[in-house]
C-alpha atoms as a PDB file:
ATOM      1  CA  MET A   1      46.404 -47.417-110.749  1.00  0.00           C
ATOM      2  CA  ALA A   2      48.718 -47.894-108.163  1.00  0.00           C
ATOM      3  CA  SER A   3      49.346 -43.723-108.144  1.00  0.00           C
ATOM      4  CA  LEU A   4      45.187 -43.530-108.049  1.00  0.00           C
ATOM      5  CA  GLY A   5      44.931 -45.743-105.340  1.00  0.00           C
ATOM      6  CA  SER A   6      47.442 -43.780-103.294  1.00  0.00           C
ATOM      7  CA  SER A   7      45.724 -40.863-103.521  1.00  0.00           C
ATOM      8  CA  GLN A   8      42.157 -41.840-102.305  1.00  0.00           C
ATOM      9  CA  LYS A   9      44.034 -43.828 -99.289  1.00  0.00           C
ATOM     10  CA  LEU A  10      45.632 -40.120 -98.936  1.00  0.00           C
ATOM     11  CA  LEU A  11      42.298 -37.967 -99.079  1.00  0.00           C
ATOM     12  CA  GLU A  12      40.688 -40.770 -96.478  1.00  0.00           C
ATOM     13  CA  ALA A  13      43.927 -39.755 -94.377  1.00  0.00           C
ATOM     14  CA  TYR A  14      43.008 -36.474 -94.490  1.00  0.00           C
ATOM     15  CA  TRP A  15      39.348 -36.628 -93.590  1.00  0.00           C
ATOM     16  CA  VAL A  16      40.414 -39.025 -90.631  1.00  0.00           C
ATOM     17  CA  ILE A  17      43.115 -36.288 -89.344  1.00  0.00           C
ATOM     18  CA  ALA A  18      40.761 -33.710 -89.466  1.00  0.00           C
ATOM     19  CA  PHE A  19      37.832 -35.477 -87.687  1.00  0.00           C
ATOM     20  CA  TYR A  20      40.543 -36.375 -85.219  1.00  0.00           C
ATOM     21  CA  PHE A  21      41.626 -32.844 -84.635  1.00  0.00           C
ATOM     22  CA  SER A  22      37.896 -31.220 -84.415  1.00  0.00           C
ATOM     23  CA  LEU A  23      36.442 -34.075 -82.210  1.00  0.00           C
ATOM     24  CA  LEU A  24      39.217 -32.975 -80.347  1.00  0.00           C
ATOM     25  CA  TRP A  25      38.190 -29.083 -79.663  1.00  0.00           C
ATOM     26  CA  ALA A  26      34.790 -30.615 -79.624  1.00  0.00           C
ATOM     27  CA  ALA A  27      35.484 -32.552 -76.447  1.00  0.00           C
ATOM     28  CA  PHE A  28      37.415 -29.697 -74.914  1.00  0.00           C
ATOM     29  CA  PHE A  29      35.000 -26.878 -75.814  1.00  0.00           C
ATOM     30  CA  TYR A  30      32.021 -29.552 -73.947  1.00  0.00           C
ATOM     31  CA  HIS A  31      34.342 -29.862 -70.774  1.00  0.00           C
ATOM     32  CA  ALA A  32      35.094 -25.828 -71.199  1.00  0.00           C
ATOM     33  CA  TYR A  33      31.765 -24.692 -71.355  1.00  0.00           C
ATOM     34  CA  PRO A  34      29.150 -26.527 -69.565  1.00  0.00           C
ATOM     35  CA  VAL A  35      25.999 -25.597 -70.129  1.00  0.00           C
ATOM     36  CA  ARG A  36      22.447 -26.943 -69.161  1.00  0.00           C
ATOM     37  CA  GLY A  37      19.874 -28.219 -70.840  1.00  0.00           C
ATOM     38  CA  VAL A  38      22.834 -28.823 -74.172  1.00  0.00           C
ATOM     39  CA  SER A  39      21.747 -31.868 -76.292  1.00  0.00           C
ATOM     40  CA  LEU A  40      24.665 -34.156 -77.745  1.00  0.00           C
ATOM     41  CA  GLY A  41      21.848 -35.147 -80.263  1.00  0.00           C
ATOM     42  CA  ASP A  42      21.977 -31.469 -81.447  1.00  0.00           C
ATOM     43  CA  ALA A  43      25.647 -30.842 -81.131  1.00  0.00           C
ATOM     44  CA  ALA A  44      26.027 -33.997 -83.379  1.00  0.00           C
ATOM     45  CA  PHE A  45      22.988 -32.245 -85.272  1.00  0.00           C
ATOM     46  CA  CYS A  46      25.201 -28.758 -85.663  1.00  0.00           C
ATOM     47  CA  PHE A  47      28.785 -30.639 -86.128  1.00  0.00           C
ATOM     48  CA  PHE A  48      27.589 -33.413 -88.971  1.00  0.00           C
ATOM     49  CA  GLY A  49      25.267 -31.087 -90.219  1.00  0.00           C
ATOM     50  CA  SER A  50      28.059 -28.872 -91.130  1.00  0.00           C
ATOM     51  CA  THR A  51      30.424 -31.172 -92.464  1.00  0.00           C
ATOM     52  CA  LEU A  52      27.379 -32.773 -94.645  1.00  0.00           C
ATOM     53  CA  CYS A  53      26.039 -30.095 -95.918  1.00  0.00           C
ATOM     54  CA  CYS A  54      27.755 -26.638 -95.719  1.00  0.00           C
ATOM     55  CA  SER A  55      29.111 -27.430 -99.663  1.00  0.00           C
ATOM     56  CA  LEU A  56      25.688 -27.531-100.917  1.00  0.00           C
ATOM     57  CA  ILE A  57      24.413 -25.045 -98.934  1.00  0.00           C
ATOM     58  CA  LEU A  58      27.548 -22.447-100.021  1.00  0.00           C
ATOM     59  CA  TRP A  59      27.264 -23.824-103.593  1.00  0.00           C
ATOM     60  CA  VAL A  60      23.560 -22.228-103.467  1.00  0.00           C
ATOM     61  CA  ILE A  61      24.832 -19.271-102.124  1.00  0.00           C
ATOM     62  CA  TYR A  62      27.400 -18.259-104.566  1.00  0.00           C
ATOM     63  CA  SER A  63      25.188 -19.695-107.253  1.00  0.00           C
ATOM     64  CA  LEU A  64      22.001 -17.449-106.282  1.00  0.00           C
ATOM     65  CA  THR A  65      24.060 -14.275-104.840  1.00  0.00           C
ATOM     66  CA  GLY A  66      26.875 -11.884-106.238  1.00  0.00           C
ATOM     67  CA  ALA A  67      29.208 -13.307-103.467  1.00  0.00           C
ATOM     68  CA  ARG A  68      31.153 -15.290-106.514  1.00  0.00           C
ATOM     69  CA  PHE A  69      32.018 -12.015-107.918  1.00  0.00           C
ATOM     70  CA  LEU A  70      33.761 -10.444-105.118  1.00  0.00           C
ATOM     71  CA  LEU A  71      36.026 -13.537-105.217  1.00  0.00           C
ATOM     72  CA  ASN A  72      37.326 -11.490-108.013  1.00  0.00           C
ATOM     73  CA  TRP A  73      38.443  -8.724-105.471  1.00  0.00           C
ATOM     74  CA  ILE A  74      40.286 -10.876-103.532  1.00  0.00           C
ATOM     75  CA  GLN A  75      43.383 -10.670-105.869  1.00  0.00           C
ATOM     76  CA  SER A  76      43.320  -7.121-106.554  1.00  0.00           C
ATOM     77  CA  ASP A  77      46.339  -4.631-105.659  1.00  0.00           C
ATOM     78  CA  THR A  78      43.920  -2.141-104.291  1.00  0.00           C
ATOM     79  CA  ALA A  79      44.108  -3.371-100.563  1.00  0.00           C
ATOM     80  CA  ALA A  80      40.299  -1.911 -99.697  1.00  0.00           C
ATOM     81  CA  LYS A  81      38.973  -3.996-102.934  1.00  0.00           C
ATOM     82  CA  ALA A  82      40.735  -6.929-101.642  1.00  0.00           C
ATOM     83  CA  TRP A  83      39.528  -7.007 -98.379  1.00  0.00           C
ATOM     84  CA  ILE A  84      35.842  -6.395 -99.499  1.00  0.00           C
ATOM     85  CA  GLY A  85      36.348  -9.479-101.543  1.00  0.00           C
ATOM     86  CA  GLN A  86      37.568 -11.397 -98.521  1.00  0.00           C
ATOM     87  CA  ILE A  87      34.273 -10.746 -96.454  1.00  0.00           C
ATOM     88  CA  GLY A  88      32.046 -10.088 -99.039  1.00  0.00           C
ATOM     89  CA  GLY A  89      33.467 -13.139-101.123  1.00  0.00           C
ATOM     90  CA  VAL A  90      34.832 -15.709 -98.470  1.00  0.00           C
ATOM     91  CA  GLY A  91      33.598 -14.630 -95.222  1.00  0.00           C
ATOM     92  CA  LEU A  92      29.711 -13.859 -95.404  1.00  0.00           C
ATOM     93  CA  PRO A  93      29.296 -16.589 -97.837  1.00  0.00           C
ATOM     94  CA  GLU A  94      30.699 -19.313 -95.168  1.00  0.00           C
ATOM     95  CA  GLU A  95      29.650 -17.618 -92.544  1.00  0.00           C
ATOM     96  CA  LEU A  96      25.766 -17.860 -93.562  1.00  0.00           C
ATOM     97  CA  CYS A  97      25.975 -21.134 -94.612  1.00  0.00           C
ATOM     98  CA  LYS A  98      27.154 -22.400 -91.091  1.00  0.00           C
ATOM     99  CA  LEU A  99      24.209 -20.078 -89.561  1.00  0.00           C
ATOM    100  CA  SER A 100      21.650 -21.832 -91.565  1.00  0.00           C
ATOM    101  CA  ILE A 101      22.694 -24.794 -89.687  1.00  0.00           C
ATOM    102  CA  LEU A 102      21.792 -23.287 -86.417  1.00  0.00           C
ATOM    103  CA  ALA A 103      18.292 -21.630 -88.045  1.00  0.00           C
ATOM    104  CA  LEU A 104      17.644 -25.475 -88.864  1.00  0.00           C
ATOM    105  CA  LEU A 105      18.279 -26.011 -85.123  1.00  0.00           C
ATOM    106  CA  PHE A 106      16.303 -23.265 -84.091  1.00  0.00           C
ATOM    107  CA  LYS A 107      13.151 -24.597 -86.340  1.00  0.00           C
ATOM    108  CA  ARG A 108      13.370 -28.133 -84.324  1.00  0.00           C
ATOM    109  CA  ARG A 109      13.285 -26.424 -80.865  1.00  0.00           C
ATOM    110  CA  ASP A 110      11.785 -23.772 -78.656  1.00  0.00           C
ATOM    111  CA  ARG A 111      13.928 -21.070 -77.338  1.00  0.00           C
ATOM    112  CA  LEU A 112      17.261 -21.654 -76.071  1.00  0.00           C
ATOM    113  CA  PRO A 113      19.610 -19.386 -74.303  1.00  0.00           C
ATOM    114  CA  PRO A 114      22.291 -17.602 -75.993  1.00  0.00           C
ATOM    115  CA  GLN A 115      24.782 -19.561 -74.105  1.00  0.00           C
ATOM    116  CA  ALA A 116      23.164 -23.162 -75.430  1.00  0.00           C
ATOM    117  CA  MET A 117      23.230 -21.706 -79.048  1.00  0.00           C
ATOM    118  CA  LEU A 118      26.988 -20.561 -78.486  1.00  0.00           C
ATOM    119  CA  PHE A 119      28.011 -23.943 -77.970  1.00  0.00           C
ATOM    120  CA  TYR A 120      26.055 -25.280 -80.747  1.00  0.00           C
ATOM    121  CA  GLY A 121      27.454 -22.855 -82.694  1.00  0.00           C
ATOM    122  CA  LEU A 122      30.719 -23.509 -81.908  1.00  0.00           C
ATOM    123  CA  MET A 123      29.968 -27.217 -82.836  1.00  0.00           C
ATOM    124  CA  ALA A 124      28.432 -25.833 -86.271  1.00  0.00           C
ATOM    125  CA  GLY A 125      31.441 -24.085 -86.636  1.00  0.00           C
ATOM    126  CA  LEU A 126      33.922 -27.550 -86.013  1.00  0.00           C
ATOM    127  CA  GLY A 127      32.138 -29.481 -88.724  1.00  0.00           C
ATOM    128  CA  PHE A 128      32.628 -26.963 -91.490  1.00  0.00           C
ATOM    129  CA  GLY A 129      36.102 -26.859 -90.278  1.00  0.00           C
ATOM    130  CA  ILE A 130      37.137 -30.219 -91.624  1.00  0.00           C
ATOM    131  CA  LEU A 131      35.716 -29.355 -94.925  1.00  0.00           C
ATOM    132  CA  GLU A 132      38.323 -26.343 -94.710  1.00  0.00           C
ATOM    133  CA  GLY A 133      41.254 -28.176 -92.750  1.00  0.00           C
ATOM    134  CA  VAL A 134      41.261 -30.950 -95.831  1.00  0.00           C
ATOM    135  CA  ARG A 135      40.580 -28.391 -98.835  1.00  0.00           C
ATOM    136  CA  TYR A 136      43.475 -26.689 -97.568  1.00  0.00           C
ATOM    137  CA  GLN A 137      45.513 -30.092 -97.439  1.00  0.00           C
ATOM    138  CA  VAL A 138      44.388 -31.177-101.279  1.00  0.00           C
ATOM    139  CA  LEU A 139      44.692 -27.831-102.668  1.00  0.00           C
ATOM    140  CA  ARG A 140      46.833 -24.926-100.997  1.00  0.00           C
ATOM    141  CA  ASN A 141      49.116 -26.799 -98.962  1.00  0.00           C
ATOM    142  CA  PRO A 142      50.851 -28.511-101.833  1.00  0.00           C
ATOM    143  CA  GLU A 143      51.579 -25.455-103.707  1.00  0.00           C
ATOM    144  CA  VAL A 144      53.020 -23.391-100.779  1.00  0.00           C
ATOM    145  CA  ALA A 145      55.077 -25.592 -98.990  1.00  0.00           C
ATOM    146  CA  GLN A 146      58.647 -25.727 -99.953  1.00  0.00           C
ATOM    147  CA  ASN A 147      59.740 -29.329 -98.884  1.00  0.00           C
ATOM    148  CA  ALA A 148      58.053 -32.252 -96.690  1.00  0.00           C
ATOM    149  CA  GLY A 149      59.029 -30.611 -93.636  1.00  0.00           C
ATOM    150  CA  SER A 150      57.230 -27.464 -94.317  1.00  0.00           C
ATOM    151  CA  TYR A 151      54.181 -29.475 -95.859  1.00  0.00           C
ATOM    152  CA  TYR A 152      53.736 -31.573 -92.407  1.00  0.00           C
ATOM    153  CA  LEU A 153      53.844 -28.204 -91.111  1.00  0.00           C
ATOM    154  CA  LEU A 154      51.478 -26.128 -92.910  1.00  0.00           C
ATOM    155  CA  ASN A 155      48.777 -29.400 -92.339  1.00  0.00           C
ATOM    156  CA  LEU A 156      49.270 -29.222 -88.957  1.00  0.00           C
ATOM    157  CA  LEU A 157      48.468 -25.707 -88.183  1.00  0.00           C
ATOM    158  CA  ARG A 158      45.303 -25.671 -90.616  1.00  0.00           C
ATOM    159  CA  LEU A 159      44.164 -28.706 -89.278  1.00  0.00           C
ATOM    160  CA  THR A 160      44.561 -27.765 -85.536  1.00  0.00           C
ATOM    161  CA  SER A 161      43.776 -23.736 -86.254  1.00  0.00           C
ATOM    162  CA  LEU A 162      40.894 -23.930 -88.932  1.00  0.00           C
ATOM    163  CA  PRO A 163      38.014 -26.092 -87.116  1.00  0.00           C
ATOM    164  CA  PHE A 164      38.844 -23.522 -83.838  1.00  0.00           C
ATOM    165  CA  LEU A 165      38.505 -20.283 -85.469  1.00  0.00           C
ATOM    166  CA  HIS A 166      35.343 -21.610 -87.591  1.00  0.00           C
ATOM    167  CA  ALA A 167      34.018 -22.152 -84.135  1.00  0.00           C
ATOM    168  CA  MET A 168      34.635 -19.154 -82.737  1.00  0.00           C
ATOM    169  CA  TRP A 169      33.343 -17.546 -85.504  1.00  0.00           C
ATOM    170  CA  THR A 170      30.017 -19.441 -85.802  1.00  0.00           C
ATOM    171  CA  GLY A 171      29.949 -19.479 -81.770  1.00  0.00           C
ATOM    172  CA  ILE A 172      29.419 -15.731 -81.768  1.00  0.00           C
ATOM    173  CA  ALA A 173      26.830 -15.891 -84.817  1.00  0.00           C
ATOM    174  CA  GLY A 174      25.314 -18.524 -82.043  1.00  0.00           C
ATOM    175  CA  TYR A 175      25.352 -16.301 -79.301  1.00  0.00           C
ATOM    176  CA  PHE A 176      23.366 -13.394 -81.036  1.00  0.00           C
ATOM    177  CA  LEU A 177      20.836 -15.938 -82.436  1.00  0.00           C
ATOM    178  CA  GLY A 178      20.137 -16.932 -79.136  1.00  0.00           C
ATOM    179  CA  PHE A 179      19.664 -13.561 -77.907  1.00  0.00           C
ATOM    180  CA  ALA A 180      17.340 -12.717 -80.826  1.00  0.00           C
ATOM    181  CA  LEU A 181      15.296 -16.091 -79.691  1.00  0.00           C
ATOM    182  CA  LEU A 182      14.873 -14.011 -76.377  1.00  0.00           C
ATOM    183  CA  HIS A 183      14.134 -10.887 -77.737  1.00  0.00           C
ATOM    184  CA  PRO A 184      11.996 -10.998 -81.150  1.00  0.00           C
ATOM    185  CA  GLU A 185      11.190  -7.199 -81.211  1.00  0.00           C
ATOM    186  CA  ARG A 186      15.123  -6.703 -81.589  1.00  0.00           C
ATOM    187  CA  ARG A 187      15.474 -10.142 -83.963  1.00  0.00           C
ATOM    188  CA  HIS A 188      16.299  -8.051 -87.185  1.00  0.00           C
ATOM    189  CA  ALA A 189      19.270  -6.410 -85.411  1.00  0.00           C
ATOM    190  CA  LEU A 190      20.586  -9.262 -83.216  1.00  0.00           C
ATOM    191  CA  TRP A 191      20.409 -11.314 -86.465  1.00  0.00           C
ATOM    192  CA  THR A 192      22.160  -8.698 -88.780  1.00  0.00           C
ATOM    193  CA  LEU A 193      24.899  -8.733 -85.773  1.00  0.00           C
ATOM    194  CA  GLY A 194      25.355 -12.230 -85.666  1.00  0.00           C
ATOM    195  CA  VAL A 195      25.776 -12.303 -89.526  1.00  0.00           C
ATOM    196  CA  THR A 196      27.935  -9.288 -90.293  1.00  0.00           C
ATOM    197  CA  LEU A 197      30.812  -9.418 -87.068  1.00  0.00           C
ATOM    198  CA  PRO A 198      31.753 -13.209 -87.687  1.00  0.00           C
ATOM    199  CA  ALA A 199      32.092 -12.452 -91.454  1.00  0.00           C
ATOM    200  CA  VAL A 200      34.155  -8.977 -91.051  1.00  0.00           C
ATOM    201  CA  LEU A 201      36.300 -11.110 -88.300  1.00  0.00           C
ATOM    202  CA  HIS A 202      37.021 -14.226 -90.644  1.00  0.00           C
ATOM    203  CA  GLY A 203      37.642 -11.834 -94.051  1.00  0.00           C
ATOM    204  CA  THR A 204      40.199  -9.793 -92.033  1.00  0.00           C
ATOM    205  CA  TYR A 205      41.742 -12.975 -90.830  1.00  0.00           C
ATOM    206  CA  ASN A 206      41.886 -14.159 -94.095  1.00  0.00           C
ATOM    207  CA  PHE A 207      43.015 -10.617 -95.519  1.00  0.00           C
ATOM    208  CA  PHE A 208      46.172 -10.272 -92.929  1.00  0.00           C
ATOM    209  CA  SER A 209      46.517 -14.121 -92.257  1.00  0.00           C
ATOM    210  CA  GLY A 210      50.229 -13.689 -93.941  1.00  0.00           C
ATOM    211  CA  SER A 211      50.952 -11.103 -91.439  1.00  0.00           C
ATOM    212  CA  THR A 212      51.272 -10.676 -87.096  1.00  0.00           C
ATOM    213  CA  PHE A 213      47.699  -8.442 -87.603  1.00  0.00           C
ATOM    214  CA  GLY A 214      46.408 -11.613 -88.767  1.00  0.00           C
ATOM    215  CA  LEU A 215      47.412 -13.406 -85.172  1.00  0.00           C
ATOM    216  CA  VAL A 216      45.751  -9.945 -83.672  1.00  0.00           C
ATOM    217  CA  VAL A 217      42.650 -10.949 -85.277  1.00  0.00           C
ATOM    218  CA  ALA A 218      42.413 -14.293 -84.237  1.00  0.00           C
ATOM    219  CA  VAL A 219      42.917 -13.454 -80.877  1.00  0.00           C
ATOM    220  CA  ALA A 220      40.516 -10.839 -80.833  1.00  0.00           C
ATOM    221  CA  THR A 221      37.684 -13.309 -82.176  1.00  0.00           C
ATOM    222  CA  VAL A 222      38.486 -15.547 -79.233  1.00  0.00           C
ATOM    223  CA  LEU A 223      38.148 -12.739 -76.768  1.00  0.00           C
END
């Protein structure tokens, strides 16, 4: 029972730390990208909506599409197949579930400029990054950490980088969505770019995350 209680407290600590870093990034984005007309209420809707709903949305995507099948490709010895698995099995479903939060916001509001949709995308990405950070702390990091020091370092890197990168990818999607709202005659092409470009960047980063090229992809995402 004592062990169970300790595990529960540790999990709660993970969530608190993940929220802490994500809120720091949210404050940074709010001051670094001032956009007229941005609503803090809508930003909170994107942030917490992504945190609370994306797990369910992701489950629906995996249940109704063939994306779960592509997850098996990630472990393939063929590089091209593993790369496609990362894009189609991880990048695309995760970007779709985050983009769905922006789509809900779009239904609740009139046309918003691309800069505003970019900011709301950043918030939705940060919210999803909390889920990723906690999941890595609970499942992945204990498996790969060699000692307590490396476990601490991995947790710190995951909790600072994952929310930020997810924010970048969803910010890109939001930017294209904003242009789709301004130019409805081109909405299909803009929506396609808004989904596929972040998904490709996301999957490619995952595929190369163990090498220097993963850092190159991360920098390219920011640029």
